[in-house]
């Protein structure tokens, strides 16, 4: 078994993942507002709005033209850094989380 991929990521990889944090938060906020509008238009409580991690990763991969794997790493990094609130398979921006 190749043990190269099991170690901790090097500093360059961590930096490249973290460089996507700010644009990823912008995308997350746009998706979150879209979901809030959809809930509001259907008469539901907009506090229930959230984005799936998978949907966030797909949008990042498409907008930033990165691999899906890297987009998932960016989403996980956002959760680990505390920039977003994660519950189950969903995330929402920390500023609006209660």
Protein backbone atom coordinates (compact mmCIF):
# COMPACT_ATOMS: atom_id res chain seq x y z
CA UNK A 1 0.00 0.00 0.00
CA UNK A 2 1.25 3.44 -0.84
CA UNK A 3 1.66 5.43 2.36
CA UNK A 4 2.38 8.72 0.63
CA UNK A 5 -1.27 9.78 0.57
CA UNK A 6 -1.95 8.86 4.19
CA UNK A 7 0.22 11.56 5.74
CA UNK A 8 -0.72 15.09 6.62
CA UNK A 9 -1.07 17.46 3.67
CA UNK A 10 1.87 19.73 2.98
CA UNK A 11 1.70 23.47 3.51
CA UNK A 12 1.21 24.26 -0.17
CA UNK A 13 -1.86 22.03 -0.37
CA UNK A 14 -3.35 23.52 2.80
CA UNK A 15 -2.72 27.02 1.46
CA UNK A 16 -4.34 26.19 -1.90
CA UNK A 17 -7.43 24.80 -0.15
CA UNK A 18 -7.66 27.81 2.15
CA UNK A 19 -7.32 30.20 -0.78
CA UNK A 20 -10.83 29.14 -1.83
CA UNK A 21 -12.44 30.02 1.53
CA UNK A 22 -13.58 33.56 0.71
CA UNK A 23 -15.02 32.78 -2.76
CA UNK A 24 -16.63 29.62 -1.36
CA UNK A 25 -18.34 31.66 1.37
CA UNK A 26 -19.66 34.01 -1.30
CA UNK A 27 -21.16 31.07 -3.19
CA UNK A 28 -22.56 29.65 0.03
CA UNK A 29 -24.26 32.96 0.84
CA UNK A 30 -25.80 33.14 -2.65
CA UNK A 31 -27.13 29.58 -2.41
CA UNK A 32 -28.39 30.23 1.11
CA UNK A 33 -30.29 33.34 0.02
CA UNK A 34 -31.78 31.40 -2.90
CA UNK A 35 -33.02 28.70 -0.54
CA UNK A 36 -34.43 31.31 1.85
CA UNK A 37 -36.36 32.93 -1.03
CA UNK A 38 -37.72 29.54 -2.09
CA UNK A 39 -38.91 28.74 1.43
CA UNK A 40 -40.41 32.21 1.86
CA UNK A 41 -42.31 31.98 -1.44
CA UNK A 42 -43.85 28.65 -0.39
CA UNK A 43 -44.86 29.94 3.03
CA UNK A 44 -42.31 28.02 5.10
CA UNK A 45 -40.02 29.32 7.83
CA UNK A 46 -36.88 30.66 6.18
CA UNK A 47 -34.83 29.80 9.28
CA UNK A 48 -34.86 26.22 7.98
CA UNK A 49 -32.80 27.16 4.92
CA UNK A 50 -29.54 25.25 4.53
CA UNK A 51 -27.30 23.96 1.75
CA UNK A 52 -26.11 20.39 1.36
CA UNK A 53 -22.35 19.95 1.39
CA UNK A 54 -22.63 18.09 -1.90
CA UNK A 55 -24.51 20.95 -3.58
CA UNK A 56 -21.91 23.43 -2.32
CA UNK A 57 -19.08 21.24 -3.63
CA UNK A 58 -20.75 20.88 -7.03
CA UNK A 59 -21.22 24.63 -7.40
CA UNK A 60 -17.63 25.31 -6.35
CA UNK A 61 -16.30 22.72 -8.80
CA UNK A 62 -18.28 24.28 -11.62
CA UNK A 63 -17.59 27.95 -10.78
CA UNK A 64 -13.91 27.62 -9.86
CA UNK A 65 -13.16 24.92 -12.46
CA UNK A 66 -11.59 22.65 -9.87
CA UNK A 67 -11.98 18.93 -9.29
CA UNK A 68 -14.88 17.69 -7.21
CA UNK A 69 -12.40 16.19 -4.74
CA UNK A 70 -10.76 19.58 -4.15
CA UNK A 71 -14.17 21.23 -3.80
CA UNK A 72 -15.11 18.69 -1.11
CA UNK A 73 -11.84 19.42 0.67
CA UNK A 74 -12.64 23.14 0.60
CA UNK A 75 -16.10 22.47 2.08
CA UNK A 76 -14.58 20.30 4.82
CA UNK A 77 -11.95 22.95 5.49
CA UNK A 78 -14.68 25.59 5.92
CA UNK A 79 -16.40 23.38 8.48
CA UNK A 80 -13.16 22.61 10.33
CA UNK A 81 -12.19 26.29 10.45
CA UNK A 82 -15.52 27.24 11.98
CA UNK A 83 -16.46 29.61 9.14
CA UNK A 84 -19.73 27.73 8.60
CA UNK A 85 -22.07 25.73 10.78
CA UNK A 86 -22.41 22.08 9.84
CA UNK A 87 -25.19 19.75 10.90
CA UNK A 88 -25.58 16.39 9.26
CA UNK A 89 -24.97 16.80 5.55
CA UNK A 90 -25.95 20.47 5.58
CA UNK A 91 -24.11 23.74 6.06
CA UNK A 92 -25.17 27.33 6.57
CA UNK A 93 -23.19 30.55 6.99
CA UNK A 94 -22.10 31.18 10.56
CA UNK A 95 -23.40 34.75 10.60
CA UNK A 96 -27.02 33.61 10.22
CA UNK A 97 -26.77 30.43 12.28
CA UNK A 98 -28.58 30.51 15.56
